[in-house]
Amino acid sequence: MSKLRSIDLNLAPKLERRGFRDEWFQIKLEESVPEQFRELRERRGLTQSELADAAETKQSMVSRLEKSHTPNWQVSTLLKLSRALDAQLKITLEPAEEVIAKQRKIESQSVNLDAASQMGTVWASGTTTQTSSASPQRVGAVFYIEHLDNE
């Protein structure tokens, strides 16, 4: 692991703007949930069909979730898949001011990119979309799966 002298995403000031922040939270959610399910399924050595069988659902549903970029997932579906993966599903609400404070701290010091990305504090996306300041108020939500070892 190499230390980087700095990562200048200049993200914290952008997160101060509600429209940018809403879009950022949405992108993080859209990318992280499917990725976590796919990664744990692969870690478990399961195919999509095997996971679907264990969750008593169809392989096409697992495929849609893993490729999804629209967070219209039902919690009951996420729970079924989590159980089939022997994992705990957590839904965490993180206040925007805490997200911004973490990002400011990251941007103010040298960051080990590998460690920061594992903590979920460094996120990059090639897409930036401006949203209206009149967009509906939403709370940033972060979903993640915590692996439960049976060792």
Protein backbone atom coordinates (compact mmCIF):
# COMPACT_ATOMS: atom_id res chain seq x y z
CA MET A 1 0.00 0.00 0.00
CA SER A 2 1.35 3.35 -0.94
CA LYS A 3 0.66 6.58 0.86
CA LEU A 4 -0.63 9.40 -1.26
CA ARG A 5 0.45 12.90 -0.37
CA SER A 6 -3.03 14.18 -0.93
CA ILE A 7 -6.28 13.48 -2.67
CA ASP A 8 -7.83 16.69 -3.82
CA LEU A 9 -11.39 15.77 -4.68
CA ASN A 10 -12.54 19.12 -3.34
CA LEU A 11 -15.70 17.26 -2.48
CA ALA A 12 -16.54 18.80 0.91
CA PRO A 13 -17.47 22.24 -0.47
CA LYS A 14 -19.59 20.59 -3.15
CA LEU A 15 -21.39 18.52 -0.52
CA GLU A 16 -22.44 21.77 1.16
CA ARG A 17 -24.78 22.35 -1.80
CA ARG A 18 -28.03 20.44 -1.27
CA GLY A 19 -28.59 19.58 -4.93
CA PHE A 20 -25.08 18.15 -5.36
CA ARG A 21 -25.32 16.31 -2.03
CA ASP A 22 -28.66 14.69 -2.91
CA GLU A 23 -27.27 13.50 -6.22
CA TRP A 24 -24.04 12.27 -4.56
CA PHE A 25 -25.95 10.27 -1.93
CA GLN A 26 -28.13 8.78 -4.66
CA ILE A 27 -25.13 7.70 -6.74
CA LYS A 28 -23.42 6.13 -3.71
CA LEU A 29 -26.54 4.16 -2.88
CA GLU A 30 -27.12 3.05 -6.48
CA GLU A 31 -23.58 1.75 -6.80
CA SER A 32 -22.89 0.32 -3.34
CA VAL A 33 -25.88 -1.96 -2.72
CA PRO A 34 -25.65 -4.06 -5.90
CA GLU A 35 -21.87 -4.20 -5.57
CA GLN A 36 -22.03 -5.49 -2.00
CA PHE A 37 -24.48 -8.25 -2.87
CA ARG A 38 -22.44 -9.32 -5.89
CA GLU A 39 -19.14 -9.27 -3.96
CA LEU A 40 -20.49 -11.36 -1.07
CA ARG A 41 -22.19 -13.81 -3.44
CA GLU A 42 -18.88 -14.29 -5.24
CA ARG A 43 -17.02 -14.54 -1.92
CA ARG A 44 -19.41 -17.30 -0.92
CA GLY A 45 -18.64 -19.06 -4.22
CA LEU A 46 -22.26 -18.95 -5.32
CA THR A 47 -23.67 -18.43 -8.77
CA GLN A 48 -26.67 -16.17 -9.22
CA SER A 49 -28.82 -19.28 -9.70
CA GLU A 50 -27.56 -20.85 -6.47
CA LEU A 51 -28.24 -17.66 -4.52
CA ALA A 52 -31.69 -17.41 -6.07
CA ASP A 53 -32.47 -21.01 -5.08
CA ALA A 54 -31.29 -20.38 -1.52
CA ALA A 55 -33.43 -17.23 -1.34
CA GLU A 56 -36.40 -18.94 -3.01
CA THR A 57 -36.50 -16.45 -5.83
CA LYS A 58 -35.54 -16.31 -9.51
CA GLN A 59 -32.04 -15.91 -10.92
CA SER A 60 -33.27 -12.99 -13.02
CA MET A 61 -34.15 -11.09 -9.82
CA VAL A 62 -30.61 -11.58 -8.48
CA SER A 63 -29.21 -10.43 -11.82
CA ARG A 64 -31.44 -7.34 -11.85
CA LEU A 65 -30.34 -6.40 -8.33
CA GLU A 66 -26.65 -6.85 -9.11
CA LYS A 67 -26.91 -4.75 -12.28
CA SER A 68 -29.36 -2.22 -10.89
CA HIS A 69 -28.70 1.48 -10.84
CA THR A 70 -32.14 2.37 -9.61
CA PRO A 71 -32.65 1.97 -5.87
CA ASN A 72 -36.22 0.72 -5.93
CA TRP A 73 -35.36 -2.44 -4.05
CA GLN A 74 -37.83 -3.83 -1.57
CA VAL A 75 -36.41 -4.33 1.91
CA SER A 76 -38.07 -7.75 2.03
CA THR A 77 -36.12 -8.79 -1.09
CA LEU A 78 -32.85 -7.48 0.33
CA LEU A 79 -33.56 -9.38 3.57
CA LYS A 80 -34.24 -12.65 1.71
CA LEU A 81 -30.97 -12.35 -0.18
CA SER A 82 -29.07 -11.33 2.96
CA ARG A 83 -30.37 -14.39 4.80
CA ALA A 84 -29.42 -16.63 1.88
CA LEU A 85 -25.91 -15.11 2.02
CA ASP A 86 -25.77 -15.56 5.82
CA ALA A 87 -25.29 -11.83 6.27
CA GLN A 88 -26.84 -9.05 8.28
CA LEU A 89 -28.52 -6.28 6.33
CA LYS A 90 -28.02 -2.85 7.88
CA ILE A 91 -29.60 0.41 6.87
CA THR A 92 -27.70 3.37 8.27
CA LEU A 93 -28.81 6.97 8.13
CA GLU A 94 -25.86 9.32 8.31
CA PRO A 95 -26.66 13.02 8.76
CA ALA A 96 -25.29 15.19 5.96
CA GLU A 97 -23.25 17.30 8.38
CA GLU A 98 -21.39 14.17 9.52
CA VAL A 99 -20.69 13.14 5.92
CA ILE A 100 -19.34 16.62 5.18
CA ALA A 101 -17.23 16.68 8.37
CA LYS A 102 -15.68 13.29 7.49
CA GLN A 103 -14.93 14.47 3.98
CA ARG A 104 -13.33 17.70 5.26
CA LYS A 105 -11.13 15.64 7.59
CA ILE A 106 -10.08 13.35 4.76
CA GLU A 107 -9.29 16.25 2.48
CA SER A 108 -7.23 17.97 5.18
CA GLN A 109 -4.79 15.12 5.72
CA SER A 110 -2.78 12.54 3.88
CA VAL A 111 -4.97 9.57 3.04
CA ASN A 112 -4.13 5.96 2.49
CA LEU A 113 -6.48 5.31 -0.44
CA ASP A 114 -6.94 1.60 0.24
CA ALA A 115 -7.86 2.13 3.88
CA ALA A 116 -10.11 5.09 3.11
CA SER A 117 -12.03 3.28 0.40
CA GLN A 118 -12.59 0.30 2.71
CA MET A 119 -14.10 2.68 5.27
CA GLY A 120 -16.37 4.03 2.56
CA THR A 121 -14.97 7.52 2.87
CA VAL A 122 -13.54 7.91 -0.63
CA TRP A 123 -16.02 7.62 -3.44
CA ALA A 124 -15.54 8.58 -7.04
CA SER A 125 -17.96 8.61 -9.90
CA GLY A 126 -17.65 9.74 -13.46
CA THR A 127 -21.14 11.20 -13.39
CA THR A 128 -22.07 14.59 -12.00
CA THR A 129 -25.60 15.84 -12.38
CA GLN A 130 -26.88 19.23 -11.30
CA THR A 131 -30.19 19.13 -9.50
CA SER A 132 -32.63 21.88 -8.74
CA SER A 133 -32.46 23.58 -5.37
CA ALA A 134 -36.19 22.86 -5.15
CA SER A 135 -35.66 19.09 -5.18
CA PRO A 136 -37.46 17.13 -2.46
CA GLN A 137 -35.69 16.91 0.86
CA ARG A 138 -34.14 13.49 1.37
CA VAL A 139 -31.85 11.95 3.97
CA GLY A 140 -28.70 10.29 2.68
CA ALA A 141 -28.92 6.56 3.26
CA VAL A 142 -26.11 4.05 3.20
CA PHE A 143 -26.84 0.31 2.92
CA TYR A 144 -24.19 -2.23 3.61
CA ILE A 145 -23.89 -5.91 4.31
CA GLU A 146 -21.86 -7.13 7.24
CA HIS A 147 -20.39 -10.58 6.78
CA LEU A 148 -21.12 -12.99 9.59
CA ASP A 149 -18.41 -15.60 10.08
CA ASN A 150 -19.36 -19.04 11.31
CA GLU A 151 -15.82 -19.86 12.27
